[in-house]
Amino acid sequence: QVHLVESGGGTVQPGGSLRLSCAASGFGFSDYTVTWYRQRPGEERELVAQISAVGRSTLYSDPVRGRFTVSRDNTKNMVWLQMVNLKPEDTAVYLCQARTDLDNAWGQGTQVTVSS
């Protein structure tokens, strides 16, 4: 099993950038697909970006494609979400999930606020 901790959230102005980190502890992180989700108050959790276990494939939701980039370094047990050209509608709690057929781990989330 892995344990996940997100960091890097904060408050930025529209058009700004943030880089979120998801640090994993435990064994076998390179076997896990990692997904970034976000959740706004009163709304369902929304998939933002996903990266495959060895990082060869990625996918993005339509609202963030072209602005967000997901990457990972399995030697460091780290996944990042680089966010540029942030918009007020990107305001949410961002969570990372690591999943295999046998395990499903979530972090506690990090708040991103985009406001002028």
Protein backbone atom coordinates (compact mmCIF):
# COMPACT_ATOMS: atom_id res chain seq x y z
CA GLN A 1 0.00 0.00 0.00
CA VAL A 2 1.00 3.61 -0.53
CA HIS A 3 0.29 6.74 1.45
CA LEU A 4 -0.12 10.04 -0.39
CA VAL A 5 0.46 13.63 0.67
CA GLU A 6 -0.36 16.58 -1.59
CA SER A 7 1.23 20.01 -1.33
CA GLY A 8 1.72 23.16 -3.34
CA GLY A 9 -1.72 24.69 -3.21
CA GLY A 10 -2.34 28.33 -2.50
CA THR A 11 -3.97 31.51 -3.71
CA VAL A 12 -3.04 33.01 -7.06
CA GLN A 13 -4.45 35.63 -9.37
CA PRO A 14 -6.10 34.66 -12.64
CA GLY A 15 -3.44 33.86 -15.19
CA GLY A 16 -1.06 32.67 -12.52
CA SER A 17 0.61 29.31 -12.08
CA LEU A 18 0.97 26.68 -9.40
CA ARG A 19 2.72 23.34 -9.19
CA LEU A 20 1.07 20.71 -7.06
CA SER A 21 3.02 17.78 -5.68
CA CYS A 22 1.85 14.34 -4.65
CA ALA A 23 4.41 12.50 -2.55
CA ALA A 24 3.99 8.77 -2.07
CA SER A 25 5.41 6.52 0.60
CA GLY A 26 5.30 2.77 0.52
CA PHE A 27 6.34 0.07 -1.88
CA GLY A 28 5.61 -0.43 -5.53
CA PHE A 29 4.68 3.12 -6.49
CA SER A 30 5.73 2.44 -10.06
CA ASP A 31 2.81 0.00 -10.34
CA TYR A 32 0.22 2.69 -9.61
CA THR A 33 -1.78 4.79 -12.03
CA VAL A 34 -2.08 8.26 -10.51
CA THR A 35 -5.01 10.56 -11.04
CA TRP A 36 -5.52 14.16 -9.98
CA TYR A 37 -9.07 15.09 -9.06
CA ARG A 38 -10.58 18.32 -7.86
CA GLN A 39 -13.65 19.02 -5.82
CA ARG A 40 -15.56 22.24 -5.33
CA PRO A 41 -17.94 22.70 -2.39
CA GLY A 42 -21.26 21.02 -3.07
CA GLU A 43 -20.05 19.41 -6.27
CA GLU A 44 -18.90 15.93 -7.23
CA ARG A 45 -15.25 15.07 -7.53
CA GLU A 46 -13.97 15.79 -11.05
CA LEU A 47 -11.12 14.05 -12.84
CA VAL A 48 -8.46 16.55 -13.89
CA ALA A 49 -5.49 14.56 -15.17
CA GLN A 50 -4.11 11.05 -15.09
CA ILE A 51 -0.73 9.49 -15.68
CA SER A 52 0.01 5.83 -16.26
CA ALA A 53 2.18 3.75 -13.96
CA VAL A 54 5.41 4.29 -15.89
CA GLY A 55 4.40 7.70 -17.18
CA ARG A 56 4.08 6.83 -20.84
CA SER A 57 0.52 7.98 -21.22
CA THR A 58 -1.48 10.88 -19.85
CA LEU A 59 -4.98 12.17 -20.18
CA TYR A 60 -6.66 15.44 -19.29
CA SER A 61 -10.17 16.71 -18.85
CA ASP A 62 -11.37 19.19 -21.44
CA PRO A 63 -11.39 22.22 -19.09
CA VAL A 64 -7.68 21.87 -18.27
CA ARG A 65 -6.18 20.41 -21.44
CA GLY A 66 -3.44 22.67 -22.72
CA ARG A 67 -3.05 24.43 -19.37
CA PHE A 68 -2.21 21.59 -16.96
CA THR A 69 0.59 19.05 -17.25
CA VAL A 70 0.94 15.90 -15.16
CA SER A 71 4.31 14.23 -14.70
CA ARG A 72 5.97 11.73 -12.41
CA ASP A 73 9.33 10.48 -11.23
CA ASN A 74 9.06 6.95 -9.87
CA THR A 75 12.62 7.10 -8.54
CA LYS A 76 11.41 9.83 -6.18
CA ASN A 77 7.87 8.49 -5.64
CA MET A 78 6.53 11.83 -6.84
CA VAL A 79 3.79 13.06 -9.15
CA TRP A 80 3.31 16.70 -10.09
CA LEU A 81 0.55 18.76 -11.61
CA GLN A 82 1.83 21.91 -13.28
CA MET A 83 -0.98 24.41 -13.72
CA VAL A 84 -0.64 27.55 -15.82
CA ASN A 85 -3.06 30.24 -16.94
CA LEU A 86 -5.23 29.51 -13.94
CA LYS A 87 -8.84 30.63 -13.99
CA PRO A 88 -11.28 31.34 -11.15
CA GLU A 89 -13.16 28.18 -12.08
CA ASP A 90 -10.05 26.16 -11.24
CA THR A 91 -10.64 26.98 -7.57
CA ALA A 92 -11.09 23.69 -5.73
CA VAL A 93 -9.48 21.17 -3.44
CA TYR A 94 -7.10 19.07 -5.51
CA LEU A 95 -6.54 15.44 -4.55
CA CYS A 96 -4.31 12.75 -5.92
CA GLN A 97 -5.27 9.11 -6.12
CA ALA A 98 -2.97 6.16 -6.70
CA ARG A 99 -4.59 2.97 -7.87
CA THR A 100 -3.82 -0.61 -8.82
CA ASP A 101 -6.16 -3.58 -9.09
CA LEU A 102 -5.48 -4.32 -5.43
CA ASP A 103 -5.11 -0.89 -3.85
CA ASN A 104 -6.72 2.53 -3.98
CA ALA A 105 -5.09 5.34 -2.01
CA TRP A 106 -6.07 8.99 -1.65
CA GLY A 107 -4.30 12.00 -0.29
CA GLN A 108 -5.90 14.58 1.96
CA GLY A 109 -6.04 17.29 -0.70
CA THR A 110 -4.60 20.75 -1.17
CA GLN A 111 -6.62 23.93 -1.69
CA VAL A 112 -6.16 25.98 -4.84
CA THR A 113 -7.83 29.38 -4.96
CA VAL A 114 -7.74 31.58 -8.04
CA SER A 115 -8.95 35.06 -7.26
CA SER A 116 -8.11 38.66 -8.00
